[in-house]
């Protein structure tokens, strides 16, 4: 048997709940795998076989102590703007579609998703399924392959997750259950309420009222917590709290920013701020241009807003400028598009590195990598061996600059400007330490290195759920 975790809305904590359930079950000796039939996110991850899945499913696989697999997220939508998304099917680019055309594809995509689900069930026995958005989207019931249509096909127990911090939790829960199709409603076997602040005893009458109204038990009221887990999608940027620290790092908040999980280790040790194009870059100690779903559109936006001049001004003052993936492409002199990335043409880059990027194919480079940073002071020389993954269209041709990493990227002669295709670079403690120690030392401040191995955040997450959620009841639903 498996379990379906649905939500009363987007961003109520479904992904984290699935991860927590996975780790709790693994700790109880129950093998399990995560699954989300359709995900929409620009934060993605590369599986060992070079497939691309949503970051949330990779995170859940890590919580379940299994290898991330494309079957865990068979359909990934990567928004490109103007109601158009790239469809990644079983880890590979399938096509770009307008939302209206996409809905014509959903019956076939549901079939492919079910094939993935049953492969996981056959391999692992139990599967924890995550829905998408809110479960009660009435206008989508006939084509919602992540919630209602999937639930009709699987007929497995449902746990509904709601977020009390949003307000209106009674309406969230009661309304969602009452609006579910009549054949789906009886499958709802439990409710979990997330992000509770304050004294839980005050909410006990509310729990009883919810159970009276719905006839469904509340299996847990989870307190608000702050455990460093990878962010699922762009909605998470608004939730970020900037650390109060002397060293300030600006990450350009590109319109189509992707994989900003790259900087979440830095966020724990410096003041990392996501700065919109056009805003001031004065006072920052480092500038990072992150990955993007559309390099040329976001590069054009930097020129339109004058951010290109602000980046050049910072460079002239000796401020490090770092580009990751699409940000690396922007740092070059020229970008040449044959019509696969944006509009066909030749585009001027920021010109801080001597390289040219060409988009000549719809194919992506997706692979996990292990590289050595080149011994170029003052930052790269302290990184050593690093691991990460590449997800990008386009090929960058070498110029006069030296490599930043062995086999990848470029670095300026003084070592203060460099670019790389390596997502996850600064999730390596050695790379984060190399950057932060330089920035702190430059300001005459002490820096305590990040330890190479920190405590497992998924065990911390499981501890919270074991304390505040009836995990015995959850396990009984899953294995019954």
Protein backbone atom coordinates (compact mmCIF):
# COMPACT_ATOMS: atom_id res chain seq x y z
CA UNK A 1 0.00 0.00 0.00
CA UNK A 2 1.08 3.60 -0.53
CA UNK A 3 0.08 7.01 0.79
CA UNK A 4 -1.01 10.22 -0.96
CA UNK A 5 -0.10 13.59 0.63
CA UNK A 6 -2.33 16.34 -0.76
CA UNK A 7 -2.45 20.02 0.18
CA UNK A 8 -5.13 22.60 0.83
CA UNK A 9 -3.11 25.03 -1.32
CA UNK A 10 0.32 25.57 -2.84
CA UNK A 11 3.25 25.98 -0.48
CA UNK A 12 1.58 24.52 2.61
CA UNK A 13 4.40 22.08 3.33
CA UNK A 14 3.55 18.98 1.27
CA UNK A 15 7.13 18.43 0.09
CA UNK A 16 8.59 18.65 3.58
CA UNK A 17 5.81 16.45 4.96
CA UNK A 18 6.61 13.75 2.39
CA UNK A 19 10.31 13.99 3.23
CA UNK A 20 9.56 13.72 6.95
CA UNK A 21 7.29 10.70 6.47
CA UNK A 22 9.92 9.02 4.29
CA UNK A 23 12.67 9.43 6.90
CA UNK A 24 10.38 8.37 9.76
CA UNK A 25 9.40 5.22 7.90
CA UNK A 26 13.00 4.40 6.94
CA UNK A 27 13.99 4.82 10.58
CA UNK A 28 11.27 2.26 11.41
CA UNK A 29 12.70 -0.20 8.92
CA UNK A 30 10.08 0.39 6.20
CA UNK A 31 11.51 0.83 2.69
CA UNK A 32 9.81 3.67 0.82
CA UNK A 33 10.21 5.93 -2.22
CA UNK A 34 8.77 9.39 -2.98
CA UNK A 35 6.72 10.19 -6.08
CA UNK A 36 5.19 13.29 -7.67
CA UNK A 37 3.55 12.70 -11.03
CA UNK A 38 3.79 16.33 -12.15
CA UNK A 39 5.89 19.09 -10.67
CA UNK A 40 6.37 22.70 -11.74
CA UNK A 41 9.67 24.15 -10.60
CA UNK A 42 12.83 25.82 -11.81
CA UNK A 43 14.79 24.23 -8.97
CA UNK A 44 15.82 20.87 -10.38
CA UNK A 45 18.33 18.10 -9.79
CA UNK A 46 20.25 15.67 -11.99
CA UNK A 47 19.96 11.95 -11.26
CA UNK A 48 22.99 9.64 -11.59
CA UNK A 49 21.86 8.62 -15.09
CA UNK A 50 21.68 12.25 -16.24
CA UNK A 51 17.91 12.73 -15.91
CA UNK A 52 16.31 15.90 -14.55
CA UNK A 53 13.74 15.90 -11.75
CA UNK A 54 12.33 18.46 -9.33
CA UNK A 55 14.57 19.38 -6.42
CA UNK A 56 11.82 18.39 -3.98
CA UNK A 57 11.78 14.78 -5.19
CA UNK A 58 15.57 14.60 -4.96
CA UNK A 59 15.34 15.93 -1.41
CA UNK A 60 12.64 13.38 -0.55
CA UNK A 61 14.75 10.56 -2.02
CA UNK A 62 17.64 11.62 0.21
CA UNK A 63 15.26 11.57 3.17
CA UNK A 64 14.19 8.05 2.17
CA UNK A 65 17.87 7.05 1.79
CA UNK A 66 17.34 5.94 -1.81
CA UNK A 67 18.94 7.14 -5.05
CA UNK A 68 16.99 9.91 -6.85
CA UNK A 69 15.35 8.47 -9.97
CA UNK A 70 13.43 10.00 -12.87
CA UNK A 71 10.45 7.75 -12.01
CA UNK A 72 10.06 9.82 -8.83
CA UNK A 73 9.05 12.86 -10.92
CA UNK A 74 8.12 11.69 -14.43
CA UNK A 75 6.68 15.05 -15.54
CA UNK A 76 8.56 18.26 -14.70
CA UNK A 77 7.30 21.62 -15.99
CA UNK A 78 9.85 24.43 -16.22
CA UNK A 79 8.12 27.79 -16.84
CA UNK A 80 9.59 29.97 -19.60
CA UNK A 81 7.07 32.83 -19.48
CA UNK A 82 3.98 33.80 -21.53
CA UNK A 83 2.13 30.66 -20.34
CA UNK A 84 4.79 28.45 -21.97
CA UNK A 85 6.69 25.73 -20.13
CA UNK A 86 9.31 23.24 -21.10
CA UNK A 87 8.04 19.72 -20.41
CA UNK A 88 10.70 17.38 -19.07
CA UNK A 89 9.43 13.81 -19.47
CA UNK A 90 11.18 11.01 -17.61
CA UNK A 91 14.18 13.28 -17.10
CA UNK A 92 14.60 14.48 -20.71
CA UNK A 93 13.38 17.60 -22.54
CA UNK A 94 10.17 16.68 -24.38
CA UNK A 95 8.81 19.91 -25.84
CA UNK A 96 7.85 23.51 -25.07
CA UNK A 97 4.07 23.86 -24.77
CA UNK A 98 1.48 26.55 -24.11
CA UNK A 99 -0.72 25.75 -21.12
CA UNK A 100 -3.79 25.13 -23.31
CA UNK A 101 -1.88 22.66 -25.47
CA UNK A 102 -0.43 21.03 -22.38
CA UNK A 103 -3.87 20.03 -21.13
CA UNK A 104 -4.40 18.15 -24.38
CA UNK A 105 -1.37 16.06 -23.43
CA UNK A 106 -2.44 15.15 -19.89
CA UNK A 107 -4.16 11.80 -20.61
CA UNK A 108 -0.99 10.44 -22.19
CA UNK A 109 1.20 11.99 -19.51
CA UNK A 110 -0.92 10.40 -16.79
CA UNK A 111 -0.36 7.01 -18.39
CA UNK A 112 3.41 7.59 -18.39
CA UNK A 113 3.29 8.80 -14.79
CA UNK A 114 1.39 5.70 -13.66
CA UNK A 115 4.01 3.52 -15.32
CA UNK A 116 6.63 5.28 -13.18
CA UNK A 117 4.56 4.89 -10.03
CA UNK A 118 4.09 1.15 -10.50
CA UNK A 119 7.79 0.68 -11.20
CA UNK A 120 8.57 2.39 -7.89
CA UNK A 121 5.94 0.35 -6.07
CA UNK A 122 7.35 -2.86 -7.50
CA UNK A 123 10.88 -1.91 -6.48
CA UNK A 124 10.30 -0.37 -3.05
CA UNK A 125 6.95 -1.77 -1.91
CA UNK A 126 5.68 1.50 -0.44
CA UNK A 127 5.44 4.90 -2.16
CA UNK A 128 4.66 8.28 -0.60
CA UNK A 129 2.95 10.36 -3.26
CA UNK A 130 2.92 14.15 -3.25
CA UNK A 131 0.14 16.13 -4.90
CA UNK A 132 0.61 19.53 -6.52
CA UNK A 133 -0.87 22.86 -5.47
CA UNK A 134 -4.30 22.71 -3.88
CA UNK A 135 -6.29 19.50 -4.14
CA UNK A 136 -9.65 21.22 -4.67
CA UNK A 137 -9.10 22.99 -8.01
CA UNK A 138 -12.62 22.47 -9.37
CA UNK A 139 -11.86 23.70 -12.87
CA UNK A 140 -9.04 21.17 -13.27
CA UNK A 141 -10.64 17.97 -11.94
CA UNK A 142 -10.90 16.37 -15.38
CA UNK A 143 -7.20 16.92 -16.17
CA UNK A 144 -5.41 17.20 -12.81
CA UNK A 145 -2.87 14.39 -13.16
CA UNK A 146 -1.16 15.38 -9.90
CA UNK A 147 -4.23 15.18 -7.64
CA UNK A 148 -7.74 14.00 -8.55
CA UNK A 149 -7.04 11.97 -11.70
CA UNK A 150 -4.07 10.32 -10.02
CA UNK A 151 -6.10 9.61 -6.88
CA UNK A 152 -8.86 8.00 -8.97
CA UNK A 153 -6.28 5.73 -10.58
CA UNK A 154 -4.43 4.76 -7.40
CA UNK A 155 -7.23 4.64 -4.77
CA UNK A 156 -4.74 4.95 -1.90
CA UNK A 157 -5.23 6.68 1.50
CA UNK A 158 -4.89 10.48 1.48
CA UNK A 159 -3.45 12.73 4.17
CA UNK A 160 -4.39 16.39 3.73
CA UNK A 161 -1.82 19.04 4.71
CA UNK A 162 -2.83 22.61 5.63
CA UNK A 163 -0.81 25.67 6.71
CA UNK A 164 -2.21 27.47 9.76
CA UNK A 165 0.19 30.40 9.25
CA UNK A 166 -1.77 31.38 6.12
CA UNK A 167 -4.90 31.96 8.20
CA UNK A 168 -8.33 30.43 7.65
CA UNK A 169 -7.17 26.91 8.41
CA UNK A 170 -10.72 25.72 9.17
CA UNK A 171 -11.94 26.89 5.77
CA UNK A 172 -8.83 25.45 4.12
CA UNK A 173 -9.44 21.99 5.51
CA UNK A 174 -13.24 21.78 5.51
CA UNK A 175 -13.57 23.46 2.12
CA UNK A 176 -10.97 21.23 0.48
CA UNK A 177 -12.51 17.99 1.75
CA UNK A 178 -16.08 19.03 0.91
CA UNK A 179 -15.10 20.10 -2.62
CA UNK A 180 -13.25 16.90 -3.47
CA UNK A 181 -15.09 14.58 -5.89
CA UNK A 182 -17.43 12.21 -4.06
CA UNK A 183 -15.36 9.16 -4.97
CA UNK A 184 -12.15 10.78 -3.68
CA UNK A 185 -13.47 12.27 -0.42
CA UNK A 186 -13.65 8.93 1.48
CA UNK A 187 -9.97 8.33 0.75
CA UNK A 188 -8.99 11.22 3.07
CA UNK A 189 -7.87 9.40 6.22
CA UNK A 190 -5.96 12.08 8.10
CA UNK A 191 -5.07 15.77 8.42
CA UNK A 192 -1.75 17.41 9.29
CA UNK A 193 -1.60 21.10 10.20
CA UNK A 194 1.75 22.83 9.59
CA UNK A 195 3.60 25.89 10.89
CA UNK A 196 1.83 26.29 14.24
CA UNK A 197 3.25 28.99 16.51
CA UNK A 198 2.46 29.33 20.20
CA UNK A 199 0.86 27.05 22.80
CA UNK A 200 -0.70 23.99 21.13
CA UNK A 201 -3.13 23.53 24.04
CA UNK A 202 -4.92 26.69 22.91
CA UNK A 203 -5.64 25.04 19.57
CA UNK A 204 -6.98 21.76 21.02
CA UNK A 205 -10.63 22.86 20.75
CA UNK A 206 -9.93 23.78 17.14
CA UNK A 207 -8.59 20.29 16.44
CA UNK A 208 -11.75 18.75 17.88
CA UNK A 209 -13.93 21.07 15.80
CA UNK A 210 -12.09 20.13 12.61
CA UNK A 211 -12.58 16.45 13.40
CA UNK A 212 -16.28 17.00 14.10
CA UNK A 213 -16.80 18.93 10.87
CA UNK A 214 -14.89 16.57 8.59
CA UNK A 215 -15.09 13.20 10.30
CA UNK A 216 -11.36 12.88 9.64
CA UNK A 217 -8.76 12.64 12.44
CA UNK A 218 -6.11 15.34 12.84
CA UNK A 219 -2.93 13.28 12.97
CA UNK A 220 -0.66 16.12 14.00
CA UNK A 221 -0.10 19.82 14.54
CA UNK A 222 3.49 20.53 13.49
CA UNK A 223 5.20 23.56 15.05
CA UNK A 224 6.98 26.15 12.97
CA UNK A 225 10.62 25.13 12.56
CA UNK A 226 13.69 26.24 10.68
CA UNK A 227 15.72 23.32 9.35
CA UNK A 228 17.97 23.99 6.33
CA UNK A 229 16.32 21.97 3.55
CA UNK A 230 16.53 22.67 -0.21
CA UNK A 231 13.86 25.09 -1.45
CA UNK A 232 11.35 23.58 -3.86
CA UNK A 233 10.56 26.53 -6.15
CA UNK A 234 10.52 30.29 -6.63
CA UNK A 235 7.74 30.75 -4.07
CA UNK A 236 10.36 29.95 -1.45
CA UNK A 237 12.42 33.07 -2.19
CA UNK A 238 9.79 35.21 -0.49
CA UNK A 239 10.14 33.14 2.68
CA UNK A 240 13.87 33.65 2.98
CA UNK A 241 15.14 35.57 5.98
CA UNK A 242 18.46 37.37 5.52
CA UNK A 243 20.99 36.51 8.20
CA UNK A 244 22.34 39.44 10.17
CA UNK A 245 26.02 39.22 9.23
CA UNK A 246 28.85 41.62 8.44
CA UNK A 247 29.54 40.03 5.04
CA UNK A 248 26.86 40.74 2.43
CA UNK A 249 26.42 38.74 -0.79
CA UNK A 250 24.07 39.89 -3.55
CA UNK A 251 22.45 37.19 -5.69
CA UNK A 252 20.80 38.82 -8.70
CA UNK A 253 17.14 37.84 -8.57
CA UNK A 254 16.70 37.13 -12.27
CA UNK A 255 13.13 36.94 -13.54
CA UNK A 256 13.62 33.30 -14.51
CA UNK A 257 16.03 32.40 -11.70
CA UNK A 258 16.61 28.66 -11.30
CA UNK A 259 18.38 26.43 -8.81
CA UNK A 260 18.87 29.15 -6.22
CA UNK A 261 19.29 26.26 -3.78
CA UNK A 262 22.94 26.66 -4.84
CA UNK A 263 23.35 29.40 -2.23
CA UNK A 264 21.51 27.99 0.77
CA UNK A 265 24.67 26.96 2.61
CA UNK A 266 26.05 30.48 2.14
CA UNK A 267 22.75 31.85 3.53
CA UNK A 268 23.49 30.17 6.86
CA UNK A 269 26.85 31.96 7.28
CA UNK A 270 26.54 35.33 5.52
CA UNK A 271 23.91 37.93 4.66
CA UNK A 272 22.74 36.61 1.28
CA UNK A 273 20.23 38.94 -0.33
CA UNK A 274 18.27 38.33 -3.55
CA UNK A 275 18.49 41.67 -5.34
CA UNK A 276 16.13 42.54 -8.18
CA UNK A 277 17.60 43.87 -11.46
CA UNK A 278 17.82 47.64 -11.29
CA UNK A 279 18.31 47.79 -7.52
CA UNK A 280 21.51 49.16 -6.00
CA UNK A 281 24.50 46.86 -5.63
CA UNK A 282 26.38 49.26 -3.36
CA UNK A 283 27.65 47.86 -0.09
CA UNK A 284 27.84 44.22 -1.13
CA UNK A 285 31.04 42.23 -0.70
CA UNK A 286 30.33 39.78 -3.52
CA UNK A 287 27.92 39.54 -6.46
CA UNK A 288 26.60 36.25 -7.82
CA UNK A 289 24.68 35.87 -11.07
CA UNK A 290 22.73 32.61 -10.66
CA UNK A 291 21.24 30.07 -13.04
CA UNK A 292 18.23 30.93 -15.18
CA UNK A 293 15.69 29.13 -17.35
CA UNK A 294 16.32 31.70 -20.10
CA UNK A 295 19.79 33.22 -20.18
CA UNK A 296 19.21 35.69 -23.01
CA UNK A 297 15.92 37.10 -21.69
CA UNK A 298 17.44 37.66 -18.25
CA UNK A 299 20.64 39.07 -19.74
CA UNK A 300 18.56 41.53 -21.78
CA UNK A 301 16.81 42.53 -18.56
CA UNK A 302 20.17 43.28 -16.91
CA UNK A 303 21.01 45.70 -19.71
CA UNK A 304 17.55 47.32 -19.68
CA UNK A 305 17.70 47.96 -15.93
CA UNK A 306 21.30 49.19 -15.87
CA UNK A 307 22.37 46.25 -13.73
CA UNK A 308 25.17 45.55 -16.21
CA UNK A 309 26.73 48.93 -15.33
CA UNK A 310 26.30 48.26 -11.61
CA UNK A 311 28.07 44.90 -11.96
CA UNK A 312 30.92 46.52 -13.90
CA UNK A 313 31.20 49.24 -11.23
CA UNK A 314 31.48 46.60 -8.51
CA UNK A 315 34.11 44.75 -10.53
CA UNK A 316 36.17 47.95 -10.83
CA UNK A 317 36.12 48.25 -7.04
CA UNK A 318 37.56 44.77 -6.62
CA UNK A 319 34.29 43.09 -5.65
CA UNK A 320 34.21 39.39 -6.67
CA UNK A 321 31.68 38.60 -9.41
CA UNK A 322 30.69 34.95 -9.83
CA UNK A 323 28.43 33.37 -12.45
CA UNK A 324 26.76 29.98 -12.10
CA UNK A 325 25.44 28.22 -15.23
CA UNK A 326 23.37 30.88 -17.05
CA UNK A 327 25.18 33.48 -14.97
CA UNK A 328 28.46 32.10 -16.32
CA UNK A 329 27.15 32.42 -19.88
CA UNK A 330 26.20 36.07 -19.20
CA UNK A 331 29.74 36.88 -18.02
CA UNK A 332 31.13 36.10 -21.47
CA UNK A 333 31.58 38.42 -24.42
CA UNK A 334 28.90 37.10 -26.75
CA UNK A 335 25.93 34.72 -26.80
CA UNK A 336 24.83 33.30 -30.16
CA UNK A 337 21.34 31.80 -30.37
CA UNK A 338 20.16 29.76 -33.33
CA UNK A 339 16.60 30.05 -32.01
CA UNK A 340 16.71 27.35 -29.33
CA UNK A 341 17.17 29.54 -26.22
CA UNK A 342 15.23 32.67 -27.09
CA UNK A 343 15.05 34.66 -30.34
CA UNK A 344 17.65 33.84 -32.97
CA UNK A 345 20.49 36.34 -33.03
CA UNK A 346 23.78 37.43 -31.50
CA UNK A 347 23.69 39.09 -28.08
CA UNK A 348 26.29 41.09 -26.19
CA UNK A 349 27.36 39.61 -22.87
CA UNK A 350 28.77 41.38 -19.82
CA UNK A 351 32.27 40.92 -21.22
CA UNK A 352 33.94 40.11 -17.89
CA UNK A 353 35.23 36.77 -19.19
CA UNK A 354 36.74 35.91 -22.56
CA UNK A 355 34.31 33.28 -23.85
CA UNK A 356 31.39 32.83 -26.25
CA UNK A 357 28.28 30.70 -25.69
CA UNK A 358 26.35 29.15 -28.59
CA UNK A 359 22.80 27.76 -28.38
CA UNK A 360 22.62 25.44 -31.37
CA UNK A 361 20.42 22.61 -30.07
CA UNK A 362 17.35 21.93 -27.91
CA UNK A 363 19.31 19.24 -26.08
CA UNK A 364 20.52 19.82 -22.54
CA UNK A 365 23.72 18.83 -20.82
CA UNK A 366 22.60 17.05 -17.64
CA UNK A 367 25.15 15.17 -15.57
CA UNK A 368 26.56 14.79 -12.10
CA UNK A 369 30.19 15.85 -11.87
CA UNK A 370 33.22 15.81 -9.59
CA UNK A 371 35.94 18.34 -10.35
CA UNK A 372 39.00 20.01 -8.84
CA UNK A 373 39.05 23.78 -8.58
CA UNK A 374 42.10 25.20 -10.30
CA UNK A 375 44.78 26.73 -8.04
CA UNK A 376 43.95 30.33 -8.91
CA UNK A 377 44.05 32.68 -5.90
CA UNK A 378 42.44 34.17 -3.96
CA UNK A 379 39.20 32.09 -3.95
CA UNK A 380 39.39 29.07 -6.24
CA UNK A 381 42.75 27.99 -4.83
CA UNK A 382 41.12 27.14 -1.52
CA UNK A 383 38.31 24.91 -2.83
CA UNK A 384 40.00 21.63 -3.73
CA UNK A 385 37.70 18.87 -5.01
CA UNK A 386 34.02 19.73 -5.38
CA UNK A 387 30.91 17.91 -6.56
CA UNK A 388 27.68 19.07 -8.16
CA UNK A 389 25.67 18.76 -11.34
CA UNK A 390 25.17 20.47 -14.67
CA UNK A 391 21.80 21.38 -16.26
CA UNK A 392 22.15 23.70 -19.21
CA UNK A 393 21.57 24.36 -22.86
CA UNK A 394 24.38 25.88 -24.88
CA UNK A 395 28.10 25.25 -25.28
CA UNK A 396 30.65 27.78 -24.06
CA UNK A 397 33.77 28.12 -26.20
CA UNK A 398 37.10 28.90 -24.56
CA UNK A 399 38.89 32.20 -24.83
CA UNK A 400 42.11 33.49 -23.29
CA UNK A 401 41.09 33.09 -19.63
CA UNK A 402 42.25 30.14 -17.58
CA UNK A 403 39.86 27.38 -16.49
CA UNK A 404 38.09 27.88 -13.19
CA UNK A 405 37.56 24.18 -12.53
CA UNK A 406 39.32 21.35 -14.31
CA UNK A 407 37.31 20.90 -17.51
CA UNK A 408 34.83 23.68 -16.78
CA UNK A 409 34.42 27.42 -16.47
CA UNK A 410 36.70 30.44 -16.79
CA UNK A 411 38.44 32.77 -14.34
CA UNK A 412 39.91 36.25 -14.72
CA UNK A 413 43.62 36.87 -14.30
CA UNK A 414 43.19 38.27 -10.80
CA UNK A 415 40.86 35.41 -9.76
CA UNK A 416 38.01 37.71 -8.71
CA UNK A 417 35.68 36.95 -11.61
CA UNK A 418 34.84 33.37 -12.46
CA UNK A 419 32.05 31.35 -13.97
CA UNK A 420 31.15 27.67 -13.93
CA UNK A 421 28.38 25.35 -15.07
CA UNK A 422 28.57 23.53 -11.73
CA UNK A 423 25.31 23.81 -9.80
CA UNK A 424 25.84 23.04 -6.13
CA UNK A 425 29.37 24.46 -6.07
CA UNK A 426 28.76 26.44 -2.89
CA UNK A 427 26.94 23.54 -1.24
CA UNK A 428 30.42 22.04 -0.87
CA UNK A 429 31.76 23.25 2.49
CA UNK A 430 35.25 23.61 0.98
CA UNK A 431 33.96 26.00 -1.72
CA UNK A 432 31.78 27.96 0.70
CA UNK A 433 34.73 28.26 3.09
CA UNK A 434 37.06 29.43 0.32
CA UNK A 435 34.70 32.25 -0.66
CA UNK A 436 33.61 33.26 2.84
CA UNK A 437 37.08 33.17 4.37
CA UNK A 438 38.29 35.54 1.63
CA UNK A 439 35.35 37.92 2.12
CA UNK A 440 35.65 37.93 5.92
CA UNK A 441 39.43 38.36 5.82
CA UNK A 442 39.08 41.23 3.36
CA UNK A 443 36.96 43.06 5.96
CA UNK A 444 39.37 42.17 8.77
CA UNK A 445 36.86 39.84 10.42
CA UNK A 446 37.36 36.38 11.92
CA UNK A 447 35.69 33.47 10.16
CA UNK A 448 34.87 30.06 11.62
CA UNK A 449 35.03 27.45 8.85
CA UNK A 450 31.95 25.41 8.06
CA UNK A 451 32.54 21.82 9.18
CA UNK A 452 32.90 19.24 6.42
CA UNK A 453 30.11 17.11 7.88
CA UNK A 454 27.07 18.54 9.62
CA UNK A 455 24.14 16.76 11.27
CA UNK A 456 21.63 15.12 8.96
CA UNK A 457 18.72 17.58 8.59
CA UNK A 458 16.30 14.76 7.70
CA UNK A 459 16.83 13.10 11.06
CA UNK A 460 16.09 16.44 12.74
CA UNK A 461 12.94 16.68 10.60
CA UNK A 462 11.91 13.13 11.52
CA UNK A 463 12.37 13.90 15.22
CA UNK A 464 9.90 16.79 14.95
CA UNK A 465 7.31 14.65 13.19
CA UNK A 466 7.75 11.74 15.61
CA UNK A 467 7.04 14.16 18.46
CA UNK A 468 4.10 16.04 16.96
CA UNK A 469 2.49 13.66 14.45
CA UNK A 470 0.88 10.27 15.06
CA UNK A 471 3.43 8.41 12.96
CA UNK A 472 2.04 5.05 14.12
CA UNK A 473 -1.22 5.95 12.39
CA UNK A 474 0.67 7.14 9.29
CA UNK A 475 2.64 3.89 9.14
CA UNK A 476 -0.57 1.88 9.58
CA UNK A 477 -2.14 3.70 6.61
CA UNK A 478 0.90 3.02 4.47
CA UNK A 479 1.36 -0.66 5.12
CA UNK A 480 -2.26 -1.71 5.63
